[in-house]
Amino acid sequence: MSKRTLTGLALLLLMVAALLWQSGGMQDGALETTTSEEPRYRIEKLRALRTDARGQPLVRVTADSADYFDNGAAALSNIETVGLSGEAAPWTLKSPTGTVAPGEKRLLLQAPVTGTGRWSTGEPFDFSGSAVWVDDARREFYSNEPLTIDSATRTARAKGFTAGFDGKTLKLTQPELSYELGE
């Protein structure tokens, strides 16, 4: 997956916030995402597409709802993020909930995170994990949490991963791989 897709997501969230006259001026890296107050804005059936400078699609985010708070935080429900490479969709990740912390430009998909992708050979795989970041600035999906990738011929377990939105890179942290050797 490319860093462009993650940048697209961040810009998309920034555009939505600007459209709602909302600013996120809280500390960078803050993990608190909601307040005891009710959300200031709610978007239902959110559908956002981020493109690169040439107009090529990088990432698409859909959610049943997105609640925005005065402190710049957001809480999303039933999220699907799709890393794009032109019109192809090499990565799709789904999560029941996700958050954007105040001052952050990345979305945290919360457990359970499931999805699909494909190996460099084109073989499709299923992904399952937790706490996956969708980082527009880096144009990557990544996690430091355990994950499993299953396909017809191999299974990978790892303690984390990084993948570009465009599906061209997949780096596993401390991987354990199992392969089915042909006859």
C-alpha atoms as a PDB file:
ATOM      1  CA  MET A   1       0.000   0.000   0.000  1.00  0.00           C
ATOM      2  CA  SER A   2       1.326   3.509  -0.746  1.00  0.00           C
ATOM      3  CA  LYS A   3       1.770   6.426   1.562  1.00  0.00           C
ATOM      4  CA  ARG A   4      -0.419   8.420  -0.828  1.00  0.00           C
ATOM      5  CA  THR A   5      -3.537   6.572   0.284  1.00  0.00           C
ATOM      6  CA  LEU A   6      -2.972   7.383   3.945  1.00  0.00           C
ATOM      7  CA  THR A   7      -2.308  11.009   3.068  1.00  0.00           C
ATOM      8  CA  GLY A   8      -5.574  10.966   1.178  1.00  0.00           C
ATOM      9  CA  LEU A   9      -7.447   9.740   4.233  1.00  0.00           C
ATOM     10  CA  ALA A  10      -5.965  12.446   6.423  1.00  0.00           C
ATOM     11  CA  LEU A  11      -6.804  15.120   3.885  1.00  0.00           C
ATOM     12  CA  LEU A  12     -10.284  13.700   3.545  1.00  0.00           C
ATOM     13  CA  LEU A  13     -10.839  13.895   7.294  1.00  0.00           C
ATOM     14  CA  LEU A  14      -9.465  17.436   7.239  1.00  0.00           C
ATOM     15  CA  MET A  15     -11.854  18.391   4.429  1.00  0.00           C
ATOM     16  CA  VAL A  16     -14.813  16.973   6.330  1.00  0.00           C
ATOM     17  CA  ALA A  17     -13.750  18.872   9.428  1.00  0.00           C
ATOM     18  CA  ALA A  18     -13.371  22.083   7.440  1.00  0.00           C
ATOM     19  CA  LEU A  19     -16.772  21.589   5.891  1.00  0.00           C
ATOM     20  CA  LEU A  20     -18.179  21.256   9.362  1.00  0.00           C
ATOM     21  CA  TRP A  21     -16.282  24.347  10.592  1.00  0.00           C
ATOM     22  CA  GLN A  22     -14.350  22.257  12.988  1.00  0.00           C
ATOM     23  CA  SER A  23     -10.699  22.519  13.912  1.00  0.00           C
ATOM     24  CA  GLY A  24      -8.563  19.941  15.695  1.00  0.00           C
ATOM     25  CA  GLY A  25      -6.083  21.942  17.730  1.00  0.00           C
ATOM     26  CA  MET A  26      -5.356  19.504  20.536  1.00  0.00           C
ATOM     27  CA  GLN A  27      -1.951  18.001  21.338  1.00  0.00           C
ATOM     28  CA  ASP A  28      -0.339  15.770  18.724  1.00  0.00           C
ATOM     29  CA  GLY A  29      -0.321  12.133  19.703  1.00  0.00           C
ATOM     30  CA  ALA A  30      -3.174  12.459  22.183  1.00  0.00           C
ATOM     31  CA  LEU A  31      -5.047   9.172  22.436  1.00  0.00           C
ATOM     32  CA  GLU A  32      -8.253  10.416  24.039  1.00  0.00           C
ATOM     33  CA  THR A  33     -10.796  10.474  21.264  1.00  0.00           C
ATOM     34  CA  THR A  34     -14.088  11.460  22.818  1.00  0.00           C
ATOM     35  CA  THR A  35     -15.348  13.657  25.585  1.00  0.00           C
ATOM     36  CA  SER A  36     -18.205  13.269  27.999  1.00  0.00           C
ATOM     37  CA  GLU A  37     -20.097  15.715  25.809  1.00  0.00           C
ATOM     38  CA  GLU A  38     -22.337  14.780  22.936  1.00  0.00           C
ATOM     39  CA  PRO A  39     -20.800  14.986  19.466  1.00  0.00           C
ATOM     40  CA  ARG A  40     -21.025  18.371  17.759  1.00  0.00           C
ATOM     41  CA  TYR A  41     -21.615  16.906  14.296  1.00  0.00           C
ATOM     42  CA  ARG A  42     -22.747  13.564  12.933  1.00  0.00           C
ATOM     43  CA  ILE A  43     -22.329  12.358   9.381  1.00  0.00           C
ATOM     44  CA  GLU A  44     -24.321   9.320   8.360  1.00  0.00           C
ATOM     45  CA  LYS A  45     -23.363   7.100   5.437  1.00  0.00           C
ATOM     46  CA  LEU A  46     -19.931   8.704   5.119  1.00  0.00           C
ATOM     47  CA  ARG A  47     -18.176   7.998   1.817  1.00  0.00           C
ATOM     48  CA  ALA A  48     -14.855   9.685   1.165  1.00  0.00           C
ATOM     49  CA  LEU A  49     -12.311   9.282  -1.636  1.00  0.00           C
ATOM     50  CA  ARG A  50      -8.757  10.627  -1.551  1.00  0.00           C
ATOM     51  CA  THR A  51      -6.864  11.153  -4.796  1.00  0.00           C
ATOM     52  CA  ASP A  52      -3.274  12.023  -5.572  1.00  0.00           C
ATOM     53  CA  ALA A  53      -2.054  15.157  -7.379  1.00  0.00           C
ATOM     54  CA  ARG A  54      -2.863  13.517 -10.742  1.00  0.00           C
ATOM     55  CA  GLY A  55      -6.400  12.626  -9.679  1.00  0.00           C
ATOM     56  CA  GLN A  56      -5.685   8.911  -9.224  1.00  0.00           C
ATOM     57  CA  PRO A  57      -7.635   7.264  -6.354  1.00  0.00           C
ATOM     58  CA  LEU A  58      -5.531   6.462  -3.261  1.00  0.00           C
ATOM     59  CA  VAL A  59      -7.931   5.456  -0.491  1.00  0.00           C
ATOM     60  CA  ARG A  60     -11.660   5.226   0.017  1.00  0.00           C
ATOM     61  CA  VAL A  61     -13.251   5.291   3.458  1.00  0.00           C
ATOM     62  CA  THR A  62     -16.877   4.504   4.154  1.00  0.00           C
ATOM     63  CA  ALA A  63     -18.634   4.417   7.515  1.00  0.00           C
ATOM     64  CA  ASP A  64     -22.204   4.101   8.686  1.00  0.00           C
ATOM     65  CA  SER A  65     -21.637   7.141  10.885  1.00  0.00           C
ATOM     66  CA  ALA A  66     -18.941   9.579  11.964  1.00  0.00           C
ATOM     67  CA  ASP A  67     -19.341  11.660  15.123  1.00  0.00           C
ATOM     68  CA  TYR A  68     -17.136  14.747  15.466  1.00  0.00           C
ATOM     69  CA  PHE A  69     -16.379  16.401  18.796  1.00  0.00           C
ATOM     70  CA  ASP A  70     -15.366  19.970  19.673  1.00  0.00           C
ATOM     71  CA  ASN A  71     -11.848  18.841  20.633  1.00  0.00           C
ATOM     72  CA  GLY A  72     -11.209  17.577  17.082  1.00  0.00           C
ATOM     73  CA  ALA A  73     -11.776  13.891  17.864  1.00  0.00           C
ATOM     74  CA  ALA A  74     -13.961  11.638  15.759  1.00  0.00           C
ATOM     75  CA  ALA A  75     -15.622   8.263  16.356  1.00  0.00           C
ATOM     76  CA  LEU A  76     -16.688   6.170  13.362  1.00  0.00           C
ATOM     77  CA  SER A  77     -18.814   3.036  13.133  1.00  0.00           C
ATOM     78  CA  ASN A  78     -18.888   0.147  10.652  1.00  0.00           C
ATOM     79  CA  ILE A  79     -15.862   1.287   8.699  1.00  0.00           C
ATOM     80  CA  GLU A  80     -14.436   0.008   5.454  1.00  0.00           C
ATOM     81  CA  THR A  81     -11.114   1.343   4.185  1.00  0.00           C
ATOM     82  CA  VAL A  82      -9.928   0.449   0.715  1.00  0.00           C
ATOM     83  CA  GLY A  83      -6.367   1.088  -0.381  1.00  0.00           C
ATOM     84  CA  LEU A  84      -6.394   1.894  -4.068  1.00  0.00           C
ATOM     85  CA  SER A  85      -3.906   1.821  -6.885  1.00  0.00           C
ATOM     86  CA  GLY A  86      -5.710   3.612  -9.673  1.00  0.00           C
ATOM     87  CA  GLU A  87      -8.931   1.665 -10.085  1.00  0.00           C
ATOM     88  CA  ALA A  88      -7.552  -1.545  -8.485  1.00  0.00           C
ATOM     89  CA  ALA A  89      -8.252  -2.247  -4.818  1.00  0.00           C
ATOM     90  CA  PRO A  90      -5.369  -4.306  -3.415  1.00  0.00           C
ATOM     91  CA  TRP A  91      -6.387  -3.843   0.251  1.00  0.00           C
ATOM     92  CA  THR A  92      -9.744  -3.770   2.000  1.00  0.00           C
ATOM     93  CA  LEU A  93      -9.977  -3.540   5.798  1.00  0.00           C
ATOM     94  CA  LYS A  94     -13.155  -3.514   7.885  1.00  0.00           C
ATOM     95  CA  SER A  95     -13.776  -2.675  11.524  1.00  0.00           C
ATOM     96  CA  PRO A  96     -16.884  -2.140  13.642  1.00  0.00           C
ATOM     97  CA  THR A  97     -15.393   1.010  15.209  1.00  0.00           C
ATOM     98  CA  GLY A  98     -12.609   3.491  14.697  1.00  0.00           C
ATOM     99  CA  THR A  99     -11.343   6.736  16.153  1.00  0.00           C
ATOM    100  CA  VAL A 100      -9.369   9.804  15.233  1.00  0.00           C
ATOM    101  CA  ALA A 101      -7.688  11.419  18.243  1.00  0.00           C
ATOM    102  CA  PRO A 102      -7.561  15.211  18.645  1.00  0.00           C
ATOM    103  CA  GLY A 103      -4.778  16.639  16.508  1.00  0.00           C
ATOM    104  CA  GLU A 104      -4.215  13.334  14.693  1.00  0.00           C
ATOM    105  CA  LYS A 105      -4.298  12.797  10.942  1.00  0.00           C
ATOM    106  CA  ARG A 106      -4.720   9.059  11.109  1.00  0.00           C
ATOM    107  CA  LEU A 107      -7.605   6.716  11.775  1.00  0.00           C
ATOM    108  CA  LEU A 108      -7.358   3.846  14.249  1.00  0.00           C
ATOM    109  CA  LEU A 109      -9.432   0.831  13.241  1.00  0.00           C
ATOM    110  CA  GLN A 110     -10.307  -1.058  16.416  1.00  0.00           C
ATOM    111  CA  ALA A 111     -10.591  -4.821  16.923  1.00  0.00           C
ATOM    112  CA  PRO A 112     -11.640  -6.922  15.276  1.00  0.00           C
ATOM    113  CA  VAL A 113     -10.152  -5.798  11.973  1.00  0.00           C
ATOM    114  CA  THR A 114     -10.728  -8.109   9.018  1.00  0.00           C
ATOM    115  CA  GLY A 115      -9.952  -7.709   5.380  1.00  0.00           C
ATOM    116  CA  THR A 116      -8.541  -8.938   2.130  1.00  0.00           C
ATOM    117  CA  GLY A 117      -5.411  -8.383   0.103  1.00  0.00           C
ATOM    118  CA  ARG A 118      -3.166 -10.339  -2.231  1.00  0.00           C
ATOM    119  CA  TRP A 119       0.350 -11.660  -2.342  1.00  0.00           C
ATOM    120  CA  SER A 120       2.743 -10.388  -5.023  1.00  0.00           C
ATOM    121  CA  THR A 121       1.855 -13.483  -7.068  1.00  0.00           C
ATOM    122  CA  GLY A 122      -1.744 -12.243  -7.219  1.00  0.00           C
ATOM    123  CA  GLU A 123      -3.044 -14.928  -4.865  1.00  0.00           C
ATOM    124  CA  PRO A 124      -5.763 -13.432  -2.637  1.00  0.00           C
ATOM    125  CA  PHE A 125      -5.543 -13.632   1.149  1.00  0.00           C
ATOM    126  CA  ASP A 126      -7.710 -12.934   4.190  1.00  0.00           C
ATOM    127  CA  PHE A 127      -6.441 -10.642   6.945  1.00  0.00           C
ATOM    128  CA  SER A 128      -7.428 -10.647  10.615  1.00  0.00           C
ATOM    129  CA  GLY A 129      -5.956  -8.471  13.332  1.00  0.00           C
ATOM    130  CA  SER A 130      -6.593  -5.618  15.695  1.00  0.00           C
ATOM    131  CA  ALA A 131      -5.711  -1.959  16.198  1.00  0.00           C
ATOM    132  CA  VAL A 132      -4.771  -1.113  12.602  1.00  0.00           C
ATOM    133  CA  TRP A 133      -3.779   2.459  11.779  1.00  0.00           C
ATOM    134  CA  VAL A 134      -4.853   4.060   8.502  1.00  0.00           C
ATOM    135  CA  ASP A 135      -2.255   6.809   8.142  1.00  0.00           C
ATOM    136  CA  ASP A 136      -2.832   9.262   5.326  1.00  0.00           C
ATOM    137  CA  ALA A 137       0.440  11.117   5.882  1.00  0.00           C
ATOM    138  CA  ARG A 138       2.434   7.884   5.483  1.00  0.00           C
ATOM    139  CA  ARG A 139      -0.055   6.401   2.964  1.00  0.00           C
ATOM    140  CA  GLU A 140       0.121   3.130   4.834  1.00  0.00           C
ATOM    141  CA  PHE A 141      -1.862   0.697   6.917  1.00  0.00           C
ATOM    142  CA  TYR A 142       0.128  -0.538   9.921  1.00  0.00           C
ATOM    143  CA  SER A 143      -0.095  -2.190  13.307  1.00  0.00           C
ATOM    144  CA  ASN A 144       2.074  -3.350  16.182  1.00  0.00           C
ATOM    145  CA  GLU A 145      -0.552  -5.908  17.174  1.00  0.00           C
ATOM    146  CA  PRO A 146      -0.643  -9.621  16.243  1.00  0.00           C
ATOM    147  CA  LEU A 147      -2.218 -10.520  12.911  1.00  0.00           C
ATOM    148  CA  THR A 148      -2.887 -13.497  10.682  1.00  0.00           C
ATOM    149  CA  ILE A 149      -2.892 -13.658   6.890  1.00  0.00           C
ATOM    150  CA  ASP A 150      -4.390 -16.808   5.324  1.00  0.00           C
ATOM    151  CA  SER A 151      -4.463 -17.866   1.689  1.00  0.00           C
ATOM    152  CA  ALA A 152      -4.775 -21.107  -0.267  1.00  0.00           C
ATOM    153  CA  THR A 153      -1.046 -21.881  -0.193  1.00  0.00           C
ATOM    154  CA  ARG A 154       0.318 -20.090   2.867  1.00  0.00           C
ATOM    155  CA  THR A 155      -0.434 -18.720   6.285  1.00  0.00           C
ATOM    156  CA  ALA A 156       1.474 -15.905   7.960  1.00  0.00           C
ATOM    157  CA  ARG A 157       1.330 -14.815  11.567  1.00  0.00           C
ATOM    158  CA  ALA A 158       3.214 -11.753  12.720  1.00  0.00           C
ATOM    159  CA  LYS A 159       3.544  -9.318  15.607  1.00  0.00           C
ATOM    160  CA  GLY A 160       2.789  -6.378  13.333  1.00  0.00           C
ATOM    161  CA  PHE A 161       2.819  -5.165   9.747  1.00  0.00           C
ATOM    162  CA  THR A 162       3.173  -2.204   7.428  1.00  0.00           C
ATOM    163  CA  ALA A 163       1.524  -2.105   4.002  1.00  0.00           C
ATOM    164  CA  GLY A 164       1.324   0.659   1.431  1.00  0.00           C
ATOM    165  CA  PHE A 165      -2.144   1.670   0.272  1.00  0.00           C
ATOM    166  CA  ASP A 166      -1.287   0.632  -3.287  1.00  0.00           C
ATOM    167  CA  GLY A 167      -0.571  -2.991  -2.357  1.00  0.00           C
ATOM    168  CA  LYS A 168       3.025  -2.891  -3.590  1.00  0.00           C
ATOM    169  CA  THR A 169       4.615  -3.457  -0.170  1.00  0.00           C
ATOM    170  CA  LEU A 170       3.845  -5.681   2.798  1.00  0.00           C
ATOM    171  CA  LYS A 171       6.337  -5.896   5.650  1.00  0.00           C
ATOM    172  CA  LEU A 172       5.637  -8.302   8.505  1.00  0.00           C
ATOM    173  CA  THR A 173       7.202  -7.870  11.949  1.00  0.00           C
ATOM    174  CA  GLN A 174       8.581 -11.145  13.344  1.00  0.00           C
ATOM    175  CA  PRO A 175       6.687 -13.318  10.850  1.00  0.00           C
ATOM    176  CA  GLU A 176       5.975 -17.033  11.150  1.00  0.00           C
ATOM    177  CA  LEU A 177       5.150 -18.485   7.736  1.00  0.00           C
ATOM    178  CA  SER A 178       3.610 -21.788   6.696  1.00  0.00           C
ATOM    179  CA  TYR A 179       3.606 -22.862   3.042  1.00  0.00           C
ATOM    180  CA  GLU A 180       1.853 -25.642   1.201  1.00  0.00           C
ATOM    181  CA  LEU A 181       4.431 -27.169  -1.083  1.00  0.00           C
ATOM    182  CA  GLY A 182       3.089 -28.474  -4.377  1.00  0.00           C
ATOM    183  CA  GLU A 183       3.254 -32.119  -5.383  1.00  0.00           C
END
